[in-house]
Protein backbone atom coordinates (compact mmCIF):
# COMPACT_ATOMS: atom_id res chain seq x y z
CA MET A 1 4.20 -2.92 26.12
CA ARG A 2 3.52 0.64 25.00
CA LEU A 3 4.23 1.63 21.42
CA PRO A 4 7.35 3.68 22.28
CA ALA A 5 8.83 0.57 23.88
CA LEU A 6 8.09 -1.33 20.71
CA ALA A 7 9.92 1.35 18.77
CA ALA A 8 12.79 1.14 21.22
CA ALA A 9 13.25 -2.54 20.63
CA LEU A 10 12.98 -1.96 16.91
CA MET A 11 15.72 0.68 17.02
CA LEU A 12 18.04 -1.80 18.67
CA VAL A 13 17.71 -3.99 15.59
CA VAL A 14 18.04 -1.47 12.82
CA ALA A 15 20.41 1.13 14.24
CA GLY A 16 23.58 1.44 12.26
CA ALA A 17 22.28 -0.02 9.00
CA GLY A 18 24.37 1.28 6.15
CA PRO A 19 23.30 2.86 2.86
CA ALA A 20 22.51 0.70 -0.13
CA ALA A 21 25.24 -0.03 -2.65
CA ALA A 22 23.73 0.97 -5.98
CA ALA A 23 24.65 0.43 -9.57
CA THR A 24 25.46 3.39 -11.76
CA THR A 25 23.49 4.41 -14.83
CA THR A 26 24.01 7.01 -17.50
CA ASP A 27 20.35 8.07 -17.32
CA THR A 28 19.20 10.80 -14.96
CA TYR A 29 15.66 11.90 -14.19
CA ASP A 30 13.81 15.10 -13.44
CA TYR A 31 10.52 15.37 -11.61
CA LYS A 32 7.81 17.99 -11.43
CA LEU A 33 4.96 18.42 -8.95
CA LEU A 34 1.71 18.58 -10.94
CA ALA A 35 -0.96 18.65 -8.24
CA LYS A 36 -1.24 18.43 -4.46
CA ALA A 37 -3.91 18.01 -1.82
CA VAL A 38 -4.94 21.17 0.01
CA PRO A 39 -6.35 21.64 3.52
CA ASP A 40 -10.00 20.60 3.69
CA GLU A 41 -10.88 20.77 7.40
CA CYS A 42 -10.17 22.72 10.59
CA PHE A 43 -9.00 20.94 13.72
CA ALA A 44 -9.47 22.42 17.21
CA GLY A 45 -8.68 19.42 19.41
CA ILE A 46 -9.36 15.72 19.76
CA GLY A 47 -13.06 15.04 20.06
CA LEU A 48 -14.07 18.65 19.45
CA PRO A 49 -16.37 19.86 16.66
CA TYR A 50 -14.58 21.01 13.53
CA PRO A 51 -14.61 24.81 13.13
CA ALA A 52 -15.70 26.34 9.85
CA GLY A 53 -13.14 26.57 7.09
CA PRO A 54 -10.49 26.49 5.86
CA PRO A 55 -9.38 29.16 6.12
CA CYS A 56 -9.63 28.50 9.83
CA ALA A 57 -10.53 31.37 12.14
CA THR A 58 -10.08 28.97 15.05
CA GLY A 59 -8.06 25.79 15.30
CA GLN A 60 -5.59 24.82 12.60
CA SER A 61 -5.98 23.69 9.03
CA LYS A 62 -5.89 19.97 8.31
CA VAL A 63 -5.46 17.97 5.09
CA ASN A 64 -7.30 14.64 5.21
CA GLN A 65 -6.65 13.56 1.61
CA ALA A 66 -3.49 11.49 2.01
CA TYR A 67 -2.86 9.02 -0.84
CA VAL A 68 -3.13 8.91 -4.60
CA TRP A 69 -4.59 5.44 -4.07
CA GLY A 70 -5.88 4.60 -7.56
CA LEU A 71 -4.27 5.96 -10.76
CA THR A 72 -4.94 5.43 -14.46
CA LYS A 73 -4.34 7.19 -17.79
CA VAL A 74 -6.56 7.74 -20.84
CA GLY A 75 -4.72 9.61 -23.58
CA THR A 76 -3.63 12.87 -22.00
CA ASP A 77 -6.07 12.51 -19.09
CA ILE A 78 -4.82 11.28 -15.72
CA TRP A 79 -7.58 9.98 -13.45
CA PHE A 80 -6.97 9.26 -9.78
CA GLY A 81 -8.85 8.47 -6.61
CA THR A 82 -7.66 9.32 -3.13
CA GLY A 83 -7.40 7.72 0.30
CA THR A 84 -7.78 9.68 3.53
CA ASN A 85 -5.77 9.57 6.77
CA ASN A 86 -4.51 6.15 5.78
CA ASN A 87 -1.98 5.77 8.59
CA CYS A 88 -4.80 6.21 11.12
CA LEU A 89 -7.03 3.73 9.29
CA THR A 90 -4.26 1.12 9.12
CA SER A 91 -3.35 1.50 12.80
CA GLY A 92 -7.01 1.22 13.76
CA ALA A 93 -8.22 -1.56 11.49
CA THR A 94 -5.02 -3.64 11.43
CA LEU A 95 -3.38 -2.99 14.82
CA ASP A 96 -6.56 -2.37 16.89
CA VAL A 97 -5.26 1.02 18.02
CA ILE A 98 -8.18 3.25 19.00
CA ASP A 99 -6.65 5.60 21.60
CA PRO A 100 -6.32 9.05 19.97
CA VAL A 101 -2.87 10.24 18.92
CA LEU A 102 -1.77 13.85 18.47
CA ASN A 103 1.65 15.14 17.49
CA ALA A 104 3.07 17.88 15.29
CA ASP A 105 2.66 15.81 12.13
CA TYR A 106 -0.74 14.19 12.37
CA VAL A 107 -3.77 13.50 14.51
CA CYS A 108 -5.74 10.25 14.70
CA GLU A 109 -9.01 10.70 16.59
CA TYR A 110 -10.49 7.23 16.04
CA GLY A 111 -13.79 6.99 17.94
CA GLU A 112 -13.50 10.62 19.12
CA SER A 113 -13.83 11.83 15.51
CA GLN A 114 -16.99 13.75 14.71
CA VAL A 115 -17.48 11.35 11.80
CA ALA A 116 -17.53 8.31 14.10
CA LYS A 117 -19.74 10.11 16.61
CA THR A 118 -22.39 11.05 14.06
CA ASP A 119 -22.38 8.06 11.70
CA SER A 120 -23.16 4.66 13.22
CA ALA A 121 -21.75 2.90 10.14
CA ILE A 122 -18.25 4.19 10.96
CA PRO A 123 -16.63 2.15 13.77
CA PRO A 124 -13.98 3.74 16.03
CA GLU A 125 -11.04 2.00 14.33
CA ILE A 126 -11.75 3.90 11.08
CA GLY A 127 -13.16 7.03 12.67
CA ASP A 128 -10.64 9.19 10.78
CA VAL A 129 -12.05 8.21 7.38
CA ARG A 130 -13.33 10.99 5.15
CA PRO A 131 -15.01 10.73 1.73
CA PRO A 132 -12.36 10.08 -0.91
CA GLN A 133 -12.11 12.27 -3.97
CA VAL A 134 -11.97 11.68 -7.72
CA TRP A 135 -9.60 13.92 -9.68
CA LEU A 136 -8.96 14.45 -13.40
CA TYR A 137 -5.64 15.97 -14.41
CA ASP A 138 -5.40 17.18 -18.03
CA SER A 139 -1.72 16.98 -18.97
CA ARG A 140 -2.23 19.35 -21.91
CA SER A 141 -3.92 22.19 -20.08
CA ARG A 142 -2.25 21.24 -16.75
CA ARG A 143 -5.64 21.64 -15.11
CA ASN A 144 -6.65 19.46 -12.16
CA THR A 145 -10.41 19.07 -11.65
CA ASN A 146 -12.17 17.62 -8.64
CA LYS A 147 -14.97 15.41 -9.99
CA SER A 148 -16.29 14.32 -6.59
CA ALA A 149 -19.24 16.73 -6.49
CA GLU A 150 -20.65 15.08 -9.61
CA ILE A 151 -20.98 11.89 -7.59
CA THR A 152 -22.53 13.41 -4.48
CA LYS A 153 -25.02 15.50 -6.48
CA ARG A 154 -26.28 12.58 -8.57
CA SER A 155 -28.39 10.92 -5.88
CA ALA A 156 -28.57 10.12 -2.19
CA ASP A 157 -27.33 6.60 -2.96
CA ASP A 158 -24.30 7.89 -4.83
CA LYS A 159 -23.47 10.28 -2.02
CA TYR A 160 -23.84 7.54 0.58
CA ARG A 161 -21.55 5.26 -1.38
CA LEU A 162 -18.81 7.88 -1.66
CA ASP A 163 -19.18 8.92 1.99
CA HIS A 164 -18.76 5.28 3.09
CA THR A 165 -15.94 4.35 0.73
CA ILE A 166 -12.75 4.05 2.76
CA GLY A 167 -10.71 5.11 -0.25
CA LEU A 168 -10.53 4.67 -4.01
CA ARG A 169 -7.83 2.04 -4.02
CA ALA A 170 -7.99 0.99 -7.68
CA ALA A 171 -8.47 2.86 -10.95
CA GLY A 172 -8.69 1.45 -14.45
CA ALA A 173 -9.78 2.50 -17.92
CA PHE A 174 -10.94 0.51 -20.94
CA LYS A 175 -12.80 1.43 -24.10
CA ASP A 176 -14.89 4.50 -23.18
CA SER A 177 -15.09 3.98 -19.41
CA VAL A 178 -13.05 4.91 -16.35
CA LEU A 179 -13.65 2.88 -13.19
CA LEU A 180 -12.58 3.76 -9.64
CA ALA A 181 -13.11 1.22 -6.88
CA GLY A 182 -12.59 0.97 -3.14
CA PRO A 183 -13.53 -0.91 0.03
CA THR A 184 -16.39 0.35 2.16
CA ALA A 185 -16.96 0.89 5.87
CA GLU A 186 -19.46 -1.98 5.77
CA GLY A 187 -16.87 -4.40 4.36
CA TYR A 188 -18.00 -4.37 0.72
CA VAL A 189 -16.70 -2.79 -2.51
CA ASN A 190 -17.99 0.32 -4.28
CA ILE A 191 -17.23 1.14 -7.91
CA PHE A 192 -17.75 4.54 -9.56
CA ALA A 193 -17.78 5.02 -13.34
CA PHE A 194 -17.07 7.96 -15.66
CA ASP A 195 -17.20 8.35 -19.42
CA ALA A 196 -13.60 8.57 -20.66
CA ARG A 197 -14.48 10.87 -23.58
CA SER A 198 -17.00 13.32 -22.13
CA HIS A 199 -15.77 12.96 -18.52
CA ARG A 200 -19.42 12.61 -17.49
CA TYR A 201 -20.24 10.69 -14.33
CA LEU A 202 -22.06 7.44 -15.18
CA GLY A 203 -23.05 6.12 -11.77
CA SER A 204 -21.97 3.80 -8.95
CA ASN A 205 -22.66 0.33 -7.63
CA THR A 206 -22.07 -1.65 -4.43
CA PHE A 207 -20.77 -5.21 -4.72
CA THR A 208 -21.68 -6.99 -1.50
CA GLN A 209 -20.03 -10.24 -2.61
CA TYR A 210 -16.59 -8.60 -2.51
CA GLY A 211 -14.78 -7.09 0.46
CA ASN A 212 -11.57 -5.54 -0.84
CA VAL A 213 -10.10 -4.33 -4.08
CA ARG A 214 -6.55 -3.46 -5.11
CA THR A 215 -5.58 -3.27 -8.79
CA PHE A 216 -6.93 -3.01 -12.32
CA LEU A 217 -4.90 -4.37 -15.23
CA GLN A 218 -5.57 -3.55 -18.87
CA TYR A 219 -3.94 -6.11 -21.13
CA ASP A 220 -4.58 -7.74 -24.51
CA ASN A 221 -7.92 -6.05 -25.12
CA ALA A 222 -9.33 -6.82 -21.68
CA LEU A 223 -9.60 -5.17 -18.27
CA TYR A 224 -9.04 -7.26 -15.13
CA LEU A 225 -9.55 -6.45 -11.45
CA GLY A 226 -8.18 -8.13 -8.31
CA VAL A 227 -10.54 -8.35 -5.32
CA GLY A 228 -11.15 -10.01 -1.97
CA VAL A 229 -14.24 -12.16 -1.56
CA GLY A 230 -16.69 -11.86 1.34
CA VAL A 231 -16.95 -9.16 3.97
CA ASN A 232 -13.55 -7.45 4.24
CA GLY A 233 -12.14 -10.10 1.90
CA MET A 234 -12.31 -12.76 4.63
CA SER A 235 -13.46 -15.56 2.32
CA GLY A 236 -10.72 -15.56 -0.28
CA GLY A 237 -10.20 -13.65 -3.49
CA ALA A 238 -10.91 -13.41 -7.18
CA VAL A 239 -9.78 -11.88 -10.43
CA LEU A 240 -12.63 -10.32 -12.38
CA ARG A 241 -12.83 -9.47 -16.07
CA TRP A 242 -14.88 -6.41 -16.96
CA THR A 243 -17.69 -7.20 -19.39
CA GLY A 244 -19.40 -3.83 -19.23
CA SER A 245 -19.72 -0.71 -21.34
CA ALA A 246 -20.33 2.97 -20.81
CA LYS A 247 -24.07 2.22 -20.85
CA SER A 248 -23.72 -0.69 -18.40
CA PRO A 249 -20.43 -0.26 -16.55
CA PHE A 250 -20.86 -2.65 -13.61
CA THR A 251 -20.75 -6.16 -15.06
CA PHE A 252 -17.87 -8.60 -14.51
CA ASP A 253 -17.03 -12.25 -15.02
CA THR A 254 -15.03 -14.19 -12.43
CA VAL A 255 -11.91 -15.53 -14.16
CA ALA A 256 -10.01 -16.58 -11.04
CA SER A 257 -11.30 -18.08 -7.79
CA LEU A 258 -8.53 -17.94 -5.17
CA PRO A 259 -8.27 -18.81 -1.46
CA VAL A 260 -6.53 -15.45 -0.86
CA GLN A 261 -7.15 -11.83 -1.84
CA ALA A 262 -5.77 -10.88 -5.25
CA ALA A 263 -3.44 -7.90 -4.94
CA ASP A 264 -1.37 -6.59 -7.88
CA LEU A 265 -1.69 -7.96 -11.42
CA THR A 266 0.61 -8.05 -14.42
CA ALA A 267 1.05 -9.91 -17.70
CA TYR A 268 3.76 -12.58 -17.69
CA ASP A 269 4.78 -15.16 -20.29
CA GLY A 270 1.36 -15.34 -21.95
CA ARG A 271 -0.49 -15.42 -18.64
CA ILE A 272 -1.73 -13.09 -15.91
CA ALA A 273 0.24 -13.15 -12.67
CA ALA A 274 -1.23 -12.00 -9.36
CA THR A 275 0.38 -11.31 -6.03
CA SER A 276 -1.85 -11.93 -3.03
CA TRP A 277 -2.64 -10.94 0.54
CA PRO A 278 -3.29 -13.68 3.09
CA ALA A 279 -6.49 -14.94 4.57
CA GLU A 280 -6.92 -13.76 8.15
CA GLY A 281 -5.56 -16.03 10.85
CA SER A 282 -2.51 -16.35 13.05
CA VAL A 283 -1.19 -19.40 11.19
CA ALA A 284 -2.27 -19.92 7.58
CA SER A 285 -1.97 -22.94 5.32
CA ALA A 286 0.31 -22.56 2.31
CA ASP A 287 -2.50 -21.82 -0.14
CA LYS A 288 -3.88 -19.10 2.14
CA MET A 289 -0.57 -17.28 2.62
CA ALA A 290 0.58 -14.28 0.65
CA GLY A 291 2.22 -15.47 -2.54
CA VAL A 292 2.23 -15.47 -6.33
CA TRP A 293 -0.39 -17.06 -8.58
CA ILE A 294 -0.39 -17.52 -12.37
CA SER A 295 -3.32 -18.00 -14.70
CA PRO A 296 -3.82 -20.49 -17.49
CA LEU A 297 -2.43 -19.42 -20.86
CA LEU A 298 -4.40 -16.53 -22.30
CA ALA A 299 -4.22 -18.12 -25.76
CA ASP A 300 -6.11 -21.24 -24.69
CA GLY A 301 -9.76 -21.18 -25.73
CA ALA A 302 -11.48 -17.81 -26.09
CA PRO A 303 -9.29 -14.66 -26.14
CA GLY A 304 -8.10 -13.65 -22.70
CA LEU A 305 -9.35 -15.20 -19.48
CA THR A 306 -12.91 -16.46 -19.16
CA THR A 307 -15.03 -18.11 -16.50
CA ASP A 308 -13.65 -21.46 -17.67
CA ASP A 309 -10.25 -20.38 -16.31
CA ALA A 310 -11.48 -19.55 -12.79
CA ALA A 311 -10.30 -22.82 -11.24
CA GLY A 312 -7.14 -23.12 -13.29
CA TRP A 313 -4.80 -20.76 -11.44
CA THR A 314 -1.64 -22.10 -9.75
CA GLN A 315 0.22 -20.83 -6.72
CA VAL A 316 3.91 -20.87 -7.70
CA TRP A 317 5.39 -19.37 -4.52
CA ASN A 318 4.35 -18.28 -1.03
CA ALA A 319 5.86 -16.44 1.93
CA ARG A 320 6.61 -19.61 3.88
CA LYS A 321 9.18 -20.54 1.21
CA TYR A 322 11.25 -17.64 2.58
CA GLU A 323 10.11 -16.82 6.11
CA PRO A 324 11.16 -19.43 8.72
CA ASP A 325 8.73 -18.27 11.43
CA LYS A 326 5.28 -19.60 10.55
CA VAL A 327 3.39 -16.93 12.52
CA ILE A 328 5.31 -14.07 10.95
CA ALA A 329 4.93 -15.69 7.51
CA ALA A 330 1.15 -15.49 7.91
CA THR A 331 1.38 -11.67 8.27
CA TYR A 332 3.25 -11.08 5.00
CA GLY A 333 1.51 -9.41 2.09
CA MET A 334 2.76 -9.34 -1.48
CA GLY A 335 2.69 -6.11 -3.42
CA GLY A 336 4.13 -4.77 -6.66
CA VAL A 337 4.69 -7.22 -9.52
CA ALA A 338 6.13 -6.80 -13.03
CA SER A 339 7.58 -8.80 -15.91
CA TYR A 340 11.13 -7.71 -16.75
CA GLY A 341 14.19 -9.26 -18.39
CA GLY A 342 12.59 -12.67 -18.77
CA TYR A 343 11.63 -12.84 -15.08
CA LEU A 344 8.54 -12.14 -13.03
CA TRP A 345 9.54 -9.76 -10.21
CA TRP A 346 7.61 -9.17 -6.98
CA GLY A 347 8.10 -7.78 -3.49
CA SER A 348 6.77 -8.30 0.03
CA MET A 349 4.75 -5.91 2.21
CA HIS A 350 4.82 -5.63 6.01
CA VAL A 351 2.38 -3.44 7.92
CA PRO A 352 4.52 -1.90 10.70
CA MET A 353 4.07 -3.82 13.95
CA LYS A 354 1.43 -6.22 12.55
CA SER A 355 3.72 -9.22 12.89
CA THR A 356 4.50 -8.15 16.46
CA LYS A 357 0.84 -7.87 17.36
CA VAL A 358 -0.01 -11.29 15.91
CA HIS A 359 3.02 -12.89 17.54
CA GLN A 360 2.06 -11.40 20.90
CA LYS A 361 -1.40 -12.92 20.55
CA VAL A 362 -0.11 -16.39 19.68
CA TYR A 363 2.88 -16.39 22.04
CA PRO A 364 2.31 -13.92 24.91
CA GLN A 365 5.51 -13.19 26.83
CA ASP A 366 5.86 -13.04 30.62
CA THR A 367 8.72 -10.56 31.05
CA ASP A 368 9.76 -7.23 29.59
CA GLU A 369 12.97 -8.79 28.35
CA ALA A 370 11.10 -11.50 26.47
CA ALA A 371 8.61 -8.98 25.10
CA GLN A 372 11.45 -6.79 23.85
CA ALA A 373 13.02 -9.79 22.14
CA GLN A 374 9.68 -10.53 20.51
CA VAL A 375 9.45 -7.01 19.13
CA LYS A 376 13.03 -7.06 17.91
CA ASN A 377 12.75 -10.41 16.18
CA THR A 378 9.38 -9.93 14.47
CA GLN A 379 10.36 -6.93 12.33
CA ARG A 380 10.76 -7.44 8.59
CA ALA A 381 11.72 -5.17 5.71
CA THR A 382 10.58 -5.74 2.17
CA ALA A 383 12.20 -8.50 0.16
CA ILE A 384 12.41 -8.52 -3.64
CA PHE A 385 12.15 -11.78 -5.58
CA ARG A 386 12.15 -12.87 -9.21
CA GLY A 387 11.32 -16.10 -10.97
CA LYS A 388 11.22 -17.75 -14.37
CA ASN A 389 9.64 -20.84 -15.89
CA LEU A 390 6.97 -20.49 -13.24
CA GLY A 391 4.67 -23.42 -12.73
CA THR A 392 6.99 -25.85 -14.54
CA ALA A 393 9.54 -28.44 -13.47
CA ASP A 394 12.24 -25.90 -14.39
CA GLN A 395 10.88 -23.16 -12.11
CA LYS A 396 13.62 -20.97 -10.65
CA ILE A 397 13.09 -18.42 -7.87
CA GLU A 398 15.83 -15.97 -6.83
CA LEU A 399 16.06 -13.50 -3.97
CA VAL A 400 17.13 -10.11 -5.36
CA TYR A 401 17.16 -8.06 -2.14
CA GLY A 402 16.68 -9.79 1.21
CA THR A 403 18.53 -11.92 3.71
CA SER A 404 19.86 -15.47 3.95
CA GLN A 405 18.67 -15.94 7.54
CA LEU A 406 15.94 -14.64 9.86
CA PRO A 407 15.03 -15.17 13.52
CA ALA A 408 12.28 -17.70 14.24
CA TYR A 409 10.58 -18.49 17.56
CA ASP A 410 10.59 -21.95 19.11
CA PRO A 411 7.50 -22.27 21.34
CA VAL A 412 8.97 -25.31 23.09
CA THR A 413 12.20 -23.65 24.23
CA LYS A 414 10.58 -20.18 24.22
CA ALA A 415 13.67 -18.84 22.50
CA TRP A 416 14.54 -17.16 19.23
CA ALA A 417 17.09 -18.72 16.89
CA VAL A 418 18.38 -17.66 13.49
CA GLN A 419 17.11 -19.93 10.73
CA PRO A 420 17.96 -20.05 7.00
CA THR A 421 15.58 -18.53 4.46
CA ASN A 422 16.90 -20.90 1.78
CA TYR A 423 17.94 -17.96 -0.37
CA THR A 424 21.06 -15.85 -0.86
CA PRO A 425 20.33 -12.28 -2.03
CA LEU A 426 21.82 -11.32 -5.38
CA PHE A 427 22.30 -7.60 -4.81
CA GLY A 428 21.71 -6.47 -1.24
CA LYS A 429 19.85 -6.61 2.05
CA SER A 430 16.14 -6.37 2.73
CA GLY A 431 14.50 -3.04 2.00
CA PHE A 432 17.21 -2.16 -0.54
CA ASP A 433 19.53 -2.11 2.48
CA ASN A 434 17.09 0.13 4.36
CA PRO A 435 15.31 -1.70 7.22
CA TYR A 436 12.49 0.87 7.21
CA ASN A 437 11.44 0.10 3.62
CA ASN A 438 8.46 -2.05 4.57
CA TYR A 439 6.29 -2.04 1.40
CA THR A 440 7.02 -2.87 -2.20
CA TRP A 441 4.10 -0.73 -3.24
CA ARG A 442 4.37 -0.71 -7.00
CA MET A 443 6.50 -2.02 -9.87
CA THR A 444 6.34 -0.96 -13.51
CA VAL A 445 8.50 -1.15 -16.62
CA THR A 446 9.27 1.58 -19.15
CA ASP A 447 12.20 2.44 -21.41
CA GLY A 448 13.72 -0.98 -20.78
CA LYS A 449 13.97 -0.40 -17.03
CA LEU A 450 12.15 -1.74 -13.99
CA PHE A 451 11.01 0.87 -11.45
CA VAL A 452 10.14 -0.09 -7.87
CA GLY A 453 8.34 2.26 -5.48
CA THR A 454 8.50 1.61 -1.73
CA MET A 455 7.08 2.85 1.55
CA ASP A 456 9.66 3.99 4.12
CA TRP A 457 8.19 4.40 7.60
CA SER A 458 11.29 5.82 9.29
CA TYR A 459 9.72 9.28 9.64
CA ILE A 460 6.76 7.80 11.50
CA VAL A 461 9.08 6.16 14.04
CA GLN A 462 10.20 9.47 15.51
CA ASP A 463 6.53 10.39 16.00
CA ILE A 464 5.97 7.09 17.78
CA ILE A 465 8.87 7.85 20.12
CA ASP A 466 7.77 11.42 20.75
CA GLY A 467 4.18 10.25 21.17
CA GLY A 468 5.10 8.54 24.40
CA LYS A 469 5.34 11.98 26.00
CA THR A 470 1.70 12.77 25.32
CA GLY A 471 0.02 9.41 25.64
CA ALA A 472 0.70 7.12 22.71
CA PRO A 473 -1.63 4.22 21.85
CA THR A 474 -0.86 0.75 23.17
CA LEU A 475 -0.47 -2.57 21.42
CA ALA A 476 -0.38 -4.51 24.71
CA GLN A 477 -0.54 -3.70 28.41
CA GLU A 478 3.01 -4.54 29.50
CA LYS A 479 5.02 -1.88 31.25
CA ALA A 480 6.88 0.54 28.98
CA THR A 481 10.64 0.26 29.06
CA SER A 482 13.26 2.97 29.00
CA MET A 483 13.94 4.89 25.79
CA ALA A 484 17.42 5.96 26.88
CA ASN A 485 20.27 5.64 24.41
CA VAL A 486 18.03 4.46 21.56
CA ALA A 487 19.32 5.34 18.12
CA ALA A 488 16.76 7.08 15.92
CA PRO A 489 16.50 6.70 12.13
CA ASP A 490 18.72 8.94 10.03
CA PRO A 491 16.70 12.03 8.98
CA ALA A 492 18.60 12.03 5.69
CA GLY A 493 16.67 8.87 4.83
CA TYR A 494 13.15 10.13 5.55
CA GLY A 495 10.75 9.71 2.64
CA GLY A 496 9.73 6.95 0.27
CA ASP A 497 12.19 5.46 -2.21
CA LEU A 498 12.03 4.97 -5.97
CA TRP A 499 14.50 2.40 -7.27
CA MET A 500 15.39 1.56 -10.87
CA PHE A 501 16.89 -1.59 -12.37
CA ALA A 502 18.56 -0.49 -15.61
CA ASP A 503 19.66 -4.09 -16.18
CA PRO A 504 18.15 -7.25 -14.68
CA GLU A 505 21.62 -8.53 -13.78
CA GLN A 506 22.78 -5.39 -11.98
CA PRO A 507 21.81 -3.83 -8.62
CA ALA A 508 19.19 -1.13 -8.53
CA THR A 509 19.89 2.60 -8.60
CA ALA A 510 18.04 5.00 -6.29
CA ILE A 511 16.12 7.70 -8.19
CA THR A 512 15.07 9.13 -4.83
CA LYS A 513 15.32 8.12 -1.19
CA THR A 514 13.54 11.21 0.12
CA GLY A 515 10.00 11.14 -1.25
CA MET A 516 10.64 12.99 -4.52
CA GLY A 517 11.63 16.21 -2.77
CA ASN A 518 9.14 16.01 0.12
CA TYR A 519 10.31 13.76 2.95
CA LEU A 520 6.75 13.63 4.34
CA ASN A 521 5.89 11.55 1.25
CA TYR A 522 6.57 8.25 2.96
CA GLY A 523 5.85 6.20 -0.15
CA ILE A 524 5.40 5.97 -3.89
CA ARG A 525 1.92 4.46 -3.85
CA ASN A 526 1.24 4.41 -7.59
CA MET A 527 3.07 4.54 -10.90
CA ILE A 528 1.78 4.57 -14.47
CA VAL A 529 3.85 4.81 -17.64
CA ASP A 530 4.08 7.95 -19.75
CA GLY A 531 6.38 7.18 -22.66
CA THR A 532 9.85 6.84 -21.14
CA GLY A 533 8.67 8.55 -17.96
CA LEU A 534 6.19 7.93 -15.17
CA TYR A 535 3.33 9.57 -13.34
CA LEU A 536 3.84 8.99 -9.62
CA GLY A 537 1.07 9.02 -7.03
CA MET A 538 2.51 9.77 -3.60
CA ALA A 539 1.40 8.75 -0.09
CA ASN A 540 1.60 11.44 2.59
CA PRO A 541 -0.73 11.23 5.64
CA MET A 542 0.84 14.05 7.68
CA ASN A 543 -2.51 15.77 8.07
CA LEU A 544 -1.42 18.62 10.37
CA ARG A 545 1.54 19.73 8.25
CA THR A 546 -0.26 22.53 6.43
CA ASP A 547 1.75 25.67 7.18
CA PRO A 548 3.60 26.85 4.04
CA ALA A 549 5.52 29.38 6.13
CA ASP A 550 7.35 26.91 8.36
CA ASP A 551 10.46 24.89 7.52
CA VAL A 552 8.59 21.59 7.15
CA PRO A 553 7.03 20.49 3.84
CA GLU A 554 3.29 20.03 3.57
CA GLY A 555 1.21 16.92 4.07
CA GLY A 556 -1.32 15.40 1.68
CA TRP A 557 -1.11 13.49 -1.59
CA GLU A 558 1.00 14.63 -4.52
CA LEU A 559 0.89 13.83 -8.25
CA ILE A 560 4.38 13.97 -9.75
CA HIS A 561 5.69 13.59 -13.31
CA LEU A 562 9.06 11.83 -13.68
CA THR A 563 10.90 12.29 -16.98
CA LYS A 564 14.29 11.37 -18.33
CA SER A 565 16.64 14.35 -18.29
CA CYS A 566 17.52 15.97 -21.59
CA LYS A 567 21.22 15.83 -22.44
């Protein structure tokens, strides 16, 4: 089944979904764009050499820097690392799409990229990767400085590490050091260090024992980092505690050994809580599914977590507790997590079409009708949960936004049937009542409120549909079905959402549903606290949207400051 047909089936499910019912709040917020990615390459056609520029005498300008992927704050300094062409990398590495795609919004060249053609370490599925960048924004002078050249000029090893880092997914700061970390093309983890005071580059290191990295957490005089273990995180996960210094910035202790990749981290009830991403496999055991883990008490023994705590973590919840289809449950990830109002809150993450691809592999269908049903029934929007008394006999888990029933496949009858999730949502449907909200990307608390940033992939869907006219990639080889009379997403809803809980017992209020003023920002990838406000790192991979004279906003990452309005 071609990708447009997958989108067609998806539309049949989500068409007509209504807007979210939101609580009211007396607080209002203003936002200001502080910095934005600029074009960094010229594109003349799939597989063709890149002309000189920009400015581009031939071809068109392209912006590869797509995400503010790692974000941290030291005093008035905002440090962030970027990710490049992330939608192409996800489609390639996760969905096995390697046929080039070109539309008005973005191009994915995959193996036809000049990078893949000239660098044997870059496989076709991530051929659109470019070296990420390190930026330092001074909130006093409002100056944004690209620090990347300091890395590439240090040594050939440093340059190689940056060139082969898929993106700087995590950023953290502690004492006098700033660390930026990301997965590599070879399946390892690279970490780059800067001096927080002088801003001087300190060096880099490759950690071959780890294969993914997601989040730093500074808490109670310690800095922690969640990682995957083994090549590409295939062998489980860990939480590390930084034991380094500005003179020796690359030493860590393992304070959690997990069967799954550690994702986001937060402090909760005297412990550290971690959400997780699953081990690879079509059907995972409960301990290898995406879920929530809690550490031993930080007050036990030496301050903070130590190596003695590595085996003492407990899984308190996993995706199978909610998702009735065991194959789909194995494709869930867990994302943002925060402690708020006496509860630990977390949300699910669903790579678009990943559950469909895995389900097709496990249960291949013989007819177009059955394949369409498979597409329709494997789609999931993000669900928001909260829990208290975790890990005790009095543990209580509640569904905040989600659904009380979901379709599950019976391989014996080869039919789909609605099954209970064992939860009743408190405030609304999945995705904050938006079926295209597929990621809970980040949660954070400030000013007594919980903020939740999502990814909304509705804008991408119209490119998938249009892509069928020019040769879209395939997820399977079944015949494409008709696109006639398929309802498209509402353009008024394009762009990532930022939601706010002003009270833990009231529904959330939407701060934005349109990407903070740029509907090409399909997600709020990062948030860090600034007093009663937030710095927001946006995700925007629309790499061909670079013309400031047209009526479409520009692609590329954005750094935004959100503040409470003055009254």
